């Protein structure tokens, strides 16, 4: 049997501390079958929106990088910090030494 798909969309400014903290955390996790997408805000996102239309309305919330955790393209509430993202993924906070919320400005 196949598990339902898992899509994780990070919407934020490329290179910003909060975007990098989310992406770095995801890079260190074992998430078999997960698709991780980066969606920049504004006009820079058109290519990803054309490729993955369900990301059209997934934008940063209040100017902060935002994670959208989706199963079969149905998304949970958006979250703006690493701990909340991990909670939605049902994963414990990262061990010492991995990027996390404490790395944010």
PDB file of N, CA and C in Angstrom:
ATOM      1  N   UNK A   1       0.828  -1.188   0.000  1.00  0.00           N
ATOM      2  CA  UNK A   1       0.000   0.000   0.000  1.00  0.00           C
ATOM      3  C   UNK A   1       0.866   1.242   0.000  1.00  0.00           C
ATOM      4  N   UNK A   2       0.387   2.237  -0.692  1.00  0.00           N
ATOM      5  CA  UNK A   2       1.108   3.507  -0.727  1.00  0.00           C
ATOM      6  C   UNK A   2       0.557   4.443   0.338  1.00  0.00           C
ATOM      7  N   UNK A   3       1.459   5.170   0.989  1.00  0.00           N
ATOM      8  CA  UNK A   3       1.051   6.171   1.972  1.00  0.00           C
ATOM      9  C   UNK A   3       0.547   7.409   1.238  1.00  0.00           C
ATOM     10  N   UNK A   4      -0.307   8.209   1.894  1.00  0.00           N
ATOM     11  CA  UNK A   4      -0.750   9.449   1.262  1.00  0.00           C
ATOM     12  C   UNK A   4       0.455  10.356   1.007  1.00  0.00           C
ATOM     13  N   UNK A   5       0.345  11.191   0.001  1.00  0.00           N
ATOM     14  CA  UNK A   5       1.448  12.094  -0.308  1.00  0.00           C
ATOM     15  C   UNK A   5       1.594  13.139   0.788  1.00  0.00           C
ATOM     16  N   UNK A   6       2.813  13.622   0.962  1.00  0.00           N
ATOM     17  CA  UNK A   6       3.101  14.687   1.912  1.00  0.00           C
ATOM     18  C   UNK A   6       3.846  15.775   1.161  1.00  0.00           C
ATOM     19  N   UNK A   7       3.255  16.954   1.148  1.00  0.00           N
ATOM     20  CA  UNK A   7       3.896  18.105   0.517  1.00  0.00           C
ATOM     21  C   UNK A   7       4.151  19.140   1.601  1.00  0.00           C
ATOM     22  N   UNK A   8       5.362  19.665   1.610  1.00  0.00           N
ATOM     23  CA  UNK A   8       5.725  20.714   2.550  1.00  0.00           C
ATOM     24  C   UNK A   8       6.158  21.910   1.715  1.00  0.00           C
ATOM     25  N   UNK A   9       5.417  22.992   1.854  1.00  0.00           N
ATOM     26  CA  UNK A   9       5.713  24.204   1.094  1.00  0.00           C
ATOM     27  C   UNK A   9       6.240  25.247   2.070  1.00  0.00           C
ATOM     28  N   UNK A  10       7.430  25.770   1.785  1.00  0.00           N
ATOM     29  CA  UNK A  10       7.991  26.866   2.561  1.00  0.00           C
ATOM     30  C   UNK A  10       7.901  28.110   1.690  1.00  0.00           C
ATOM     31  N   UNK A  11       7.146  29.077   2.178  1.00  0.00           N
ATOM     32  CA  UNK A  11       6.975  30.323   1.445  1.00  0.00           C
ATOM     33  C   UNK A  11       7.675  31.431   2.217  1.00  0.00           C
ATOM     34  N   UNK A  12       8.656  32.026   1.582  1.00  0.00           N
ATOM     35  CA  UNK A  12       9.402  33.085   2.254  1.00  0.00           C
ATOM     36  C   UNK A  12      10.462  33.661   1.343  1.00  0.00           C
ATOM     37  N   UNK A  13      11.132  34.656   1.865  1.00  0.00           N
ATOM     38  CA  UNK A  13      12.178  35.336   1.104  1.00  0.00           C
ATOM     39  C   UNK A  13      13.434  34.475   1.062  1.00  0.00           C
ATOM     40  N   UNK A  14      13.940  34.241  -0.133  1.00  0.00           N
ATOM     41  CA  UNK A  14      15.148  33.436  -0.310  1.00  0.00           C
ATOM     42  C   UNK A  14      16.304  34.055   0.473  1.00  0.00           C
ATOM     43  N   UNK A  15      16.990  33.206   1.249  1.00  0.00           N
ATOM     44  CA  UNK A  15      18.156  33.651   1.989  1.00  0.00           C
ATOM     45  C   UNK A  15      17.858  34.267   3.347  1.00  0.00           C
ATOM     46  N   UNK A  16      16.585  34.508   3.677  1.00  0.00           N
ATOM     47  CA  UNK A  16      16.284  35.101   4.982  1.00  0.00           C
ATOM     48  C   UNK A  16      16.509  34.061   6.080  1.00  0.00           C
ATOM     49  N   UNK A  17      16.799  34.532   7.287  1.00  0.00           N
ATOM     50  CA  UNK A  17      17.117  33.627   8.399  1.00  0.00           C
ATOM     51  C   UNK A  17      15.967  32.677   8.699  1.00  0.00           C
ATOM     52  N   UNK A  18      14.725  33.175   8.674  1.00  0.00           N
ATOM     53  CA  UNK A  18      13.601  32.293   9.017  1.00  0.00           C
ATOM     54  C   UNK A  18      13.341  31.262   7.925  1.00  0.00           C
ATOM     55  N   UNK A  19      13.502  31.638   6.669  1.00  0.00           N
ATOM     56  CA  UNK A  19      13.347  30.679   5.571  1.00  0.00           C
ATOM     57  C   UNK A  19      14.427  29.608   5.658  1.00  0.00           C
ATOM     58  N   UNK A  20      15.665  30.025   5.851  1.00  0.00           N
ATOM     59  CA  UNK A  20      16.774  29.070   5.915  1.00  0.00           C
ATOM     60  C   UNK A  20      16.648  28.141   7.115  1.00  0.00           C
ATOM     61  N   UNK A  21      16.150  28.645   8.256  1.00  0.00           N
ATOM     62  CA  UNK A  21      15.969  27.784   9.431  1.00  0.00           C
ATOM     63  C   UNK A  21      14.967  26.673   9.129  1.00  0.00           C
ATOM     64  N   UNK A  22      13.872  27.008   8.459  1.00  0.00           N
ATOM     65  CA  UNK A  22      12.875  25.984   8.114  1.00  0.00           C
ATOM     66  C   UNK A  22      13.456  24.976   7.124  1.00  0.00           C
ATOM     67  N   UNK A  23      14.075  25.477   6.061  1.00  0.00           N
ATOM     68  CA  UNK A  23      14.624  24.578   5.040  1.00  0.00           C
ATOM     69  C   UNK A  23      15.751  23.715   5.596  1.00  0.00           C
ATOM     70  N   UNK A  24      16.641  24.300   6.408  1.00  0.00           N
ATOM     71  CA  UNK A  24      17.744  23.523   6.986  1.00  0.00           C
ATOM     72  C   UNK A  24      17.212  22.433   7.912  1.00  0.00           C
ATOM     73  N   UNK A  25      16.194  22.751   8.688  1.00  0.00           N
ATOM     74  CA  UNK A  25      15.599  21.746   9.569  1.00  0.00           C
ATOM     75  C   UNK A  25      15.043  20.594   8.749  1.00  0.00           C
ATOM     76  N   UNK A  26      14.316  20.904   7.687  1.00  0.00           N
ATOM     77  CA  UNK A  26      13.736  19.847   6.841  1.00  0.00           C
ATOM     78  C   UNK A  26      14.821  19.005   6.181  1.00  0.00           C
ATOM     79  N   UNK A  27      15.929  19.624   5.817  1.00  0.00           N
ATOM     80  CA  UNK A  27      17.028  18.880   5.172  1.00  0.00           C
ATOM     81  C   UNK A  27      17.623  17.820   6.092  1.00  0.00           C
ATOM     82  N   UNK A  28      17.500  18.009   7.385  1.00  0.00           N
ATOM     83  CA  UNK A  28      18.077  17.080   8.351  1.00  0.00           C
ATOM     84  C   UNK A  28      17.098  16.010   8.823  1.00  0.00           C
ATOM     85  N   UNK A  29      15.899  15.998   8.299  1.00  0.00           N
ATOM     86  CA  UNK A  29      14.888  15.031   8.718  1.00  0.00           C
ATOM     87  C   UNK A  29      14.754  13.913   7.691  1.00  0.00           C
ATOM     88  N   UNK A  30      14.378  12.760   8.175  1.00  0.00           N
ATOM     89  CA  UNK A  30      14.062  11.646   7.284  1.00  0.00           C
ATOM     90  C   UNK A  30      12.568  11.686   7.025  1.00  0.00           C
ATOM     91  N   UNK A  31      12.192  12.093   5.832  1.00  0.00           N
ATOM     92  CA  UNK A  31      10.789  12.228   5.448  1.00  0.00           C
ATOM     93  C   UNK A  31      10.567  11.480   4.130  1.00  0.00           C
ATOM     94  N   UNK A  32      10.518  10.146   4.194  1.00  0.00           N
ATOM     95  CA  UNK A  32      10.382   9.376   2.952  1.00  0.00           C
ATOM     96  C   UNK A  32       9.094   9.723   2.225  1.00  0.00           C
ATOM     97  N   UNK A  33       9.218   9.952   0.951  1.00  0.00           N
ATOM     98  CA  UNK A  33       8.051  10.251   0.127  1.00  0.00           C
ATOM     99  C   UNK A  33       7.571  11.684   0.201  1.00  0.00           C
ATOM    100  N   UNK A  34       8.198  12.512   1.034  1.00  0.00           N
ATOM    101  CA  UNK A  34       7.771  13.910   1.138  1.00  0.00           C
ATOM    102  C   UNK A  34       8.349  14.728  -0.011  1.00  0.00           C
ATOM    103  N   UNK A  35       7.569  15.681  -0.458  1.00  0.00           N
ATOM    104  CA  UNK A  35       8.017  16.642  -1.459  1.00  0.00           C
ATOM    105  C   UNK A  35       8.130  17.982  -0.744  1.00  0.00           C
ATOM    106  N   UNK A  36       9.306  18.577  -0.794  1.00  0.00           N
ATOM    107  CA  UNK A  36       9.531  19.870  -0.153  1.00  0.00           C
ATOM    108  C   UNK A  36       9.691  20.904  -1.250  1.00  0.00           C
ATOM    109  N   UNK A  37       8.852  21.926  -1.191  1.00  0.00           N
ATOM    110  CA  UNK A  37       8.850  22.976  -2.204  1.00  0.00           C
ATOM    111  C   UNK A  37       9.174  24.316  -1.565  1.00  0.00           C
ATOM    112  N   UNK A  38       9.973  25.123  -2.253  1.00  0.00           N
ATOM    113  CA  UNK A  38      10.213  26.498  -1.824  1.00  0.00           C
ATOM    114  C   UNK A  38       9.422  27.407  -2.744  1.00  0.00           C
ATOM    115  N   UNK A  39       8.588  28.260  -2.146  1.00  0.00           N
ATOM    116  CA  UNK A  39       7.773  29.197  -2.925  1.00  0.00           C
ATOM    117  C   UNK A  39       8.119  30.616  -2.490  1.00  0.00           C
ATOM    118  N   UNK A  40       8.869  31.332  -3.329  1.00  0.00           N
ATOM    119  CA  UNK A  40       9.184  32.721  -2.982  1.00  0.00           C
ATOM    120  C   UNK A  40       7.933  33.594  -3.104  1.00  0.00           C
ATOM    121  N   UNK A  41       7.909  34.718  -2.405  1.00  0.00           N
ATOM    122  CA  UNK A  41       6.752  35.606  -2.498  1.00  0.00           C
ATOM    123  C   UNK A  41       6.754  36.394  -3.810  1.00  0.00           C
ATOM    124  N   UNK A  42       5.592  36.926  -4.151  1.00  0.00           N
ATOM    125  CA  UNK A  42       5.473  37.843  -5.276  1.00  0.00           C
ATOM    126  C   UNK A  42       5.696  37.219  -6.630  1.00  0.00           C
ATOM    127  N   UNK A  43       6.204  38.042  -7.544  1.00  0.00           N
ATOM    128  CA  UNK A  43       6.378  37.642  -8.940  1.00  0.00           C
ATOM    129  C   UNK A  43       7.408  36.532  -9.120  1.00  0.00           C
ATOM    130  N   UNK A  44       8.305  36.352  -8.162  1.00  0.00           N
ATOM    131  CA  UNK A  44       9.331  35.312  -8.262  1.00  0.00           C
ATOM    132  C   UNK A  44       8.755  33.904  -8.179  1.00  0.00           C
ATOM    133  N   UNK A  45       7.473  33.789  -7.825  1.00  0.00           N
ATOM    134  CA  UNK A  45       6.876  32.472  -7.601  1.00  0.00           C
ATOM    135  C   UNK A  45       6.156  31.892  -8.817  1.00  0.00           C
ATOM    136  N   UNK A  46       6.055  32.630  -9.898  1.00  0.00           N
ATOM    137  CA  UNK A  46       5.210  32.178 -11.011  1.00  0.00           C
ATOM    138  C   UNK A  46       5.606  30.812 -11.558  1.00  0.00           C
ATOM    139  N   UNK A  47       6.892  30.518 -11.662  1.00  0.00           N
ATOM    140  CA  UNK A  47       7.322  29.213 -12.183  1.00  0.00           C
ATOM    141  C   UNK A  47       6.837  28.069 -11.303  1.00  0.00           C
ATOM    142  N   UNK A  48       6.967  28.214  -9.975  1.00  0.00           N
ATOM    143  CA  UNK A  48       6.530  27.140  -9.080  1.00  0.00           C
ATOM    144  C   UNK A  48       5.012  27.027  -9.081  1.00  0.00           C
ATOM    145  N   UNK A  49       4.307  28.154  -9.158  1.00  0.00           N
ATOM    146  CA  UNK A  49       2.835  28.120  -9.202  1.00  0.00           C
ATOM    147  C   UNK A  49       2.358  27.448 -10.481  1.00  0.00           C
ATOM    148  N   UNK A  50       3.032  27.709 -11.602  1.00  0.00           N
ATOM    149  CA  UNK A  50       2.672  27.040 -12.856  1.00  0.00           C
ATOM    150  C   UNK A  50       2.883  25.536 -12.763  1.00  0.00           C
ATOM    151  N   UNK A  51       3.953  25.127 -12.096  1.00  0.00           N
ATOM    152  CA  UNK A  51       4.288  23.713 -11.959  1.00  0.00           C
ATOM    153  C   UNK A  51       3.403  23.018 -10.921  1.00  0.00           C
ATOM    154  N   UNK A  52       3.112  23.715  -9.814  1.00  0.00           N
ATOM    155  CA  UNK A  52       2.342  23.144  -8.697  1.00  0.00           C
ATOM    156  C   UNK A  52       1.242  24.143  -8.329  1.00  0.00           C
ATOM    157  N   UNK A  53       0.110  24.103  -9.041  1.00  0.00           N
ATOM    158  CA  UNK A  53      -0.931  25.127  -8.876  1.00  0.00           C
ATOM    159  C   UNK A  53      -1.499  25.273  -7.464  1.00  0.00           C
ATOM    160  N   UNK A  54      -1.490  24.215  -6.651  1.00  0.00           N
ATOM    161  CA  UNK A  54      -2.087  24.366  -5.321  1.00  0.00           C
ATOM    162  C   UNK A  54      -1.284  25.310  -4.423  1.00  0.00           C
ATOM    163  N   UNK A  55      -0.087  25.734  -4.858  1.00  0.00           N
ATOM    164  CA  UNK A  55       0.715  26.680  -4.072  1.00  0.00           C
ATOM    165  C   UNK A  55       0.346  28.143  -4.353  1.00  0.00           C
ATOM    166  N   UNK A  56      -0.595  28.371  -5.241  1.00  0.00           N
ATOM    167  CA  UNK A  56      -0.943  29.734  -5.666  1.00  0.00           C
ATOM    168  C   UNK A  56      -1.166  30.693  -4.495  1.00  0.00           C
ATOM    169  N   UNK A  57      -1.902  30.260  -3.478  1.00  0.00           N
ATOM    170  CA  UNK A  57      -2.245  31.149  -2.367  1.00  0.00           C
ATOM    171  C   UNK A  57      -1.372  30.947  -1.140  1.00  0.00           C
ATOM    172  N   UNK A  58      -0.316  30.182  -1.268  1.00  0.00           N
ATOM    173  CA  UNK A  58       0.564  29.922  -0.129  1.00  0.00           C
ATOM    174  C   UNK A  58       1.661  30.975  -0.095  1.00  0.00           C
ATOM    175  N   UNK A  59       1.432  31.960   0.738  1.00  0.00           N
ATOM    176  CA  UNK A  59       2.337  33.103   0.830  1.00  0.00           C
ATOM    177  C   UNK A  59       2.825  33.259   2.264  1.00  0.00           C
ATOM    178  N   UNK A  60       3.894  34.037   2.467  1.00  0.00           N
ATOM    179  CA  UNK A  60       4.321  34.319   3.839  1.00  0.00           C
ATOM    180  C   UNK A  60       3.188  34.991   4.626  1.00  0.00           C
ATOM    181  N   UNK A  61       3.116  34.692   5.906  1.00  0.00           N
ATOM    182  CA  UNK A  61       2.108  35.288   6.783  1.00  0.00           C
ATOM    183  C   UNK A  61       2.772  36.392   7.596  1.00  0.00           C
ATOM    184  N   UNK A  62       2.195  37.580   7.543  1.00  0.00           N
ATOM    185  CA  UNK A  62       2.726  38.736   8.285  1.00  0.00           C
ATOM    186  C   UNK A  62       4.203  38.977   8.000  1.00  0.00           C
ATOM    187  N   UNK A  63       4.628  38.745   6.761  1.00  0.00           N
ATOM    188  CA  UNK A  63       6.011  38.991   6.367  1.00  0.00           C
ATOM    189  C   UNK A  63       7.014  37.966   6.866  1.00  0.00           C
ATOM    190  N   UNK A  64       6.535  36.896   7.490  1.00  0.00           N
ATOM    191  CA  UNK A  64       7.424  35.849   8.008  1.00  0.00           C
ATOM    192  C   UNK A  64       7.344  34.622   7.120  1.00  0.00           C
ATOM    193  N   UNK A  65       8.464  33.927   7.009  1.00  0.00           N
ATOM    194  CA  UNK A  65       8.459  32.672   6.259  1.00  0.00           C
ATOM    195  C   UNK A  65       7.433  31.745   6.885  1.00  0.00           C
ATOM    196  N   UNK A  66       6.741  31.005   6.029  1.00  0.00           N
ATOM    197  CA  UNK A  66       5.602  30.210   6.481  1.00  0.00           C
ATOM    198  C   UNK A  66       5.676  28.813   5.902  1.00  0.00           C
ATOM    199  N   UNK A  67       5.391  27.832   6.760  1.00  0.00           N
ATOM    200  CA  UNK A  67       5.355  26.433   6.323  1.00  0.00           C
ATOM    201  C   UNK A  67       3.910  26.006   6.157  1.00  0.00           C
ATOM    202  N   UNK A  68       3.653  25.330   5.041  1.00  0.00           N
ATOM    203  CA  UNK A  68       2.357  24.724   4.757  1.00  0.00           C
ATOM    204  C   UNK A  68       2.594  23.219   4.679  1.00  0.00           C
ATOM    205  N   UNK A  69       1.966  22.469   5.569  1.00  0.00           N
ATOM    206  CA  UNK A  69       2.094  21.015   5.608  1.00  0.00           C
ATOM    207  C   UNK A  69       0.826  20.445   4.996  1.00  0.00           C
ATOM    208  N   UNK A  70       0.975  19.722   3.888  1.00  0.00           N
ATOM    209  CA  UNK A  70      -0.182  19.275   3.112  1.00  0.00           C
ATOM    210  C   UNK A  70      -0.128  17.767   2.874  1.00  0.00           C
ATOM    211  N   UNK A  71      -1.290  17.149   2.899  1.00  0.00           N
ATOM    212  CA  UNK A  71      -1.425  15.744   2.547  1.00  0.00           C
ATOM    213  C   UNK A  71      -2.408  15.679   1.390  1.00  0.00           C
ATOM    214  N   UNK A  72      -1.965  15.103   0.279  1.00  0.00           N
ATOM    215  CA  UNK A  72      -2.779  15.028  -0.936  1.00  0.00           C
ATOM    216  C   UNK A  72      -3.329  16.407  -1.297  1.00  0.00           C
ATOM    217  N   UNK A  73      -2.494  17.419  -1.165  1.00  0.00           N
ATOM    218  CA  UNK A  73      -2.776  18.807  -1.519  1.00  0.00           C
ATOM    219  C   UNK A  73      -3.830  19.469  -0.643  1.00  0.00           C
ATOM    220  N   UNK A  74      -4.181  18.876   0.501  1.00  0.00           N
ATOM    221  CA  UNK A  74      -5.052  19.501   1.499  1.00  0.00           C
ATOM    222  C   UNK A  74      -4.148  19.925   2.651  1.00  0.00           C
ATOM    223  N   UNK A  75      -4.095  21.218   2.919  1.00  0.00           N
ATOM    224  CA  UNK A  75      -3.101  21.752   3.846  1.00  0.00           C
ATOM    225  C   UNK A  75      -3.667  22.051   5.225  1.00  0.00           C
ATOM    226  N   UNK A  76      -2.802  21.850   6.222  1.00  0.00           N
ATOM    227  CA  UNK A  76      -3.116  22.252   7.589  1.00  0.00           C
ATOM    228  C   UNK A  76      -2.912  23.760   7.697  1.00  0.00           C
ATOM    229  N   UNK A  77      -3.192  24.298   8.870  1.00  0.00           N
ATOM    230  CA  UNK A  77      -3.024  25.747   9.063  1.00  0.00           C
ATOM    231  C   UNK A  77      -1.556  26.123   8.834  1.00  0.00           C
ATOM    232  N   UNK A  78      -1.296  27.287   8.261  1.00  0.00           N
ATOM    233  CA  UNK A  78       0.086  27.718   8.053  1.00  0.00           C
ATOM    234  C   UNK A  78       0.744  28.066   9.385  1.00  0.00           C
ATOM    235  N   UNK A  79       2.043  27.791   9.476  1.00  0.00           N
ATOM    236  CA  UNK A  79       2.801  28.105  10.693  1.00  0.00           C
ATOM    237  C   UNK A  79       4.055  28.882  10.329  1.00  0.00           C
ATOM    238  N   UNK A  80       4.512  29.707  11.280  1.00  0.00           N
ATOM    239  CA  UNK A  80       5.633  30.599  10.981  1.00  0.00           C
ATOM    240  C   UNK A  80       6.870  30.342  11.839  1.00  0.00           C
ATOM    241  N   UNK A  81       6.911  29.233  12.551  1.00  0.00           N
ATOM    242  CA  UNK A  81       8.156  28.921  13.256  1.00  0.00           C
ATOM    243  C   UNK A  81       8.453  27.424  13.175  1.00  0.00           C
ATOM    244  N   UNK A  82       9.705  27.103  13.391  1.00  0.00           N
ATOM    245  CA  UNK A  82      10.196  25.740  13.210  1.00  0.00           C
ATOM    246  C   UNK A  82       9.502  24.773  14.165  1.00  0.00           C
ATOM    247  N   UNK A  83       9.328  25.161  15.423  1.00  0.00           N
ATOM    248  CA  UNK A  83       8.698  24.266  16.407  1.00  0.00           C
ATOM    249  C   UNK A  83       7.286  23.891  16.002  1.00  0.00           C
ATOM    250  N   UNK A  84       6.522  24.857  15.539  1.00  0.00           N
ATOM    251  CA  UNK A  84       5.149  24.570  15.089  1.00  0.00           C
ATOM    252  C   UNK A  84       5.155  23.687  13.850  1.00  0.00           C
ATOM    253  N   UNK A  85       6.091  23.924  12.941  1.00  0.00           N
ATOM    254  CA  UNK A  85       6.206  23.092  11.754  1.00  0.00           C
ATOM    255  C   UNK A  85       6.468  21.641  12.149  1.00  0.00           C
ATOM    256  N   UNK A  86       7.401  21.446  13.072  1.00  0.00           N
ATOM    257  CA  UNK A  86       7.721  20.101  13.522  1.00  0.00           C
ATOM    258  C   UNK A  86       6.536  19.460  14.235  1.00  0.00           C
ATOM    259  N   UNK A  87       5.791  20.245  14.994  1.00  0.00           N
ATOM    260  CA  UNK A  87       4.612  19.711  15.677  1.00  0.00           C
ATOM    261  C   UNK A  87       3.583  19.213  14.672  1.00  0.00           C
ATOM    262  N   UNK A  88       3.370  19.959  13.595  1.00  0.00           N
ATOM    263  CA  UNK A  88       2.422  19.525  12.566  1.00  0.00           C
ATOM    264  C   UNK A  88       2.913  18.255  11.874  1.00  0.00           C
ATOM    265  N   UNK A  89       4.226  18.105  11.781  1.00  0.00           N
ATOM    266  CA  UNK A  89       4.798  16.895  11.194  1.00  0.00           C
ATOM    267  C   UNK A  89       4.880  15.765  12.214  1.00  0.00           C
ATOM    268  N   UNK A  90       4.513  16.060  13.464  1.00  0.00           N
ATOM    269  CA  UNK A  90       4.586  15.104  14.578  1.00  0.00           C
ATOM    270  C   UNK A  90       6.016  14.620  14.806  1.00  0.00           C
ATOM    271  N   UNK A  91       6.937  15.592  14.805  1.00  0.00           N
ATOM    272  CA  UNK A  91       8.357  15.321  15.009  1.00  0.00           C
ATOM    273  C   UNK A  91       8.821  16.137  16.211  1.00  0.00           C
ATOM    274  N   UNK A  92       9.637  15.539  17.053  1.00  0.00           N
ATOM    275  CA  UNK A  92      10.185  16.244  18.213  1.00  0.00           C
ATOM    276  C   UNK A  92      11.086  17.372  17.733  1.00  0.00           C
ATOM    277  N   UNK A  93      11.290  18.387  18.568  1.00  0.00           N
ATOM    278  CA  UNK A  93      12.201  19.475  18.180  1.00  0.00           C
ATOM    279  C   UNK A  93      13.572  18.928  17.811  1.00  0.00           C
ATOM    280  N   UNK A  94      14.304  19.660  16.963  1.00  0.00           N
ATOM    281  CA  UNK A  94      15.608  19.183  16.503  1.00  0.00           C
ATOM    282  C   UNK A  94      16.594  19.041  17.646  1.00  0.00           C
ATOM    283  N   UNK A  95      17.466  18.011  17.563  1.00  0.00           N
ATOM    284  CA  UNK A  95      18.509  17.871  18.577  1.00  0.00           C
ATOM    285  C   UNK A  95      19.466  19.048  18.526  1.00  0.00           C
ATOM    286  N   UNK A  96      20.205  19.226  19.586  1.00  0.00           N
ATOM    287  CA  UNK A  96      21.178  20.307  19.664  1.00  0.00           C
ATOM    288  C   UNK A  96      22.110  20.270  18.451  1.00  0.00           C
ATOM    289  N   UNK A  97      22.373  21.435  17.916  1.00  0.00           N
ATOM    290  CA  UNK A  97      23.295  21.514  16.784  1.00  0.00           C
ATOM    291  C   UNK A  97      22.589  21.635  15.453  1.00  0.00           C
ATOM    292  N   UNK A  98      21.306  21.270  15.385  1.00  0.00           N
ATOM    293  CA  UNK A  98      20.566  21.452  14.138  1.00  0.00           C
ATOM    294  C   UNK A  98      19.882  22.803  14.183  1.00  0.00           C
ATOM    295  N   UNK A  99      19.642  23.410  13.028  1.00  0.00           N
ATOM    296  CA  UNK A  99      18.996  24.720  13.023  1.00  0.00           C
ATOM    297  C   UNK A  99      17.602  24.600  13.617  1.00  0.00           C
ATOM    298  N   UNK A 100      17.187  25.628  14.268  1.00  0.00           N
ATOM    299  CA  UNK A 100      15.859  25.639  14.846  1.00  0.00           C
ATOM    300  C   UNK A 100      15.464  27.052  15.200  1.00  0.00           C
ATOM    301  N   UNK A 101      14.410  27.153  15.961  1.00  0.00           N
ATOM    302  CA  UNK A 101      13.851  28.450  16.298  1.00  0.00           C
ATOM    303  C   UNK A 101      14.867  29.362  16.993  1.00  0.00           C
ATOM    304  N   UNK A 102      15.763  28.789  17.805  1.00  0.00           N
ATOM    305  CA  UNK A 102      16.740  29.608  18.521  1.00  0.00           C
ATOM    306  C   UNK A 102      17.712  30.313  17.573  1.00  0.00           C
ATOM    307  N   UNK A 103      17.780  29.875  16.309  1.00  0.00           N
ATOM    308  CA  UNK A 103      18.684  30.477  15.341  1.00  0.00           C
ATOM    309  C   UNK A 103      18.086  31.703  14.659  1.00  0.00           C
ATOM    310  N   UNK A 104      16.803  31.951  14.921  1.00  0.00           N
ATOM    311  CA  UNK A 104      16.129  33.064  14.259  1.00  0.00           C
ATOM    312  C   UNK A 104      16.450  34.370  14.968  1.00  0.00           C
ATOM    313  N   UNK A 105      16.440  35.464  14.219  1.00  0.00           N
ATOM    314  CA  UNK A 105      16.716  36.775  14.844  1.00  0.00           C
ATOM    315  C   UNK A 105      15.610  37.184  15.790  1.00  0.00           C
TER     316      UNK A 105
END
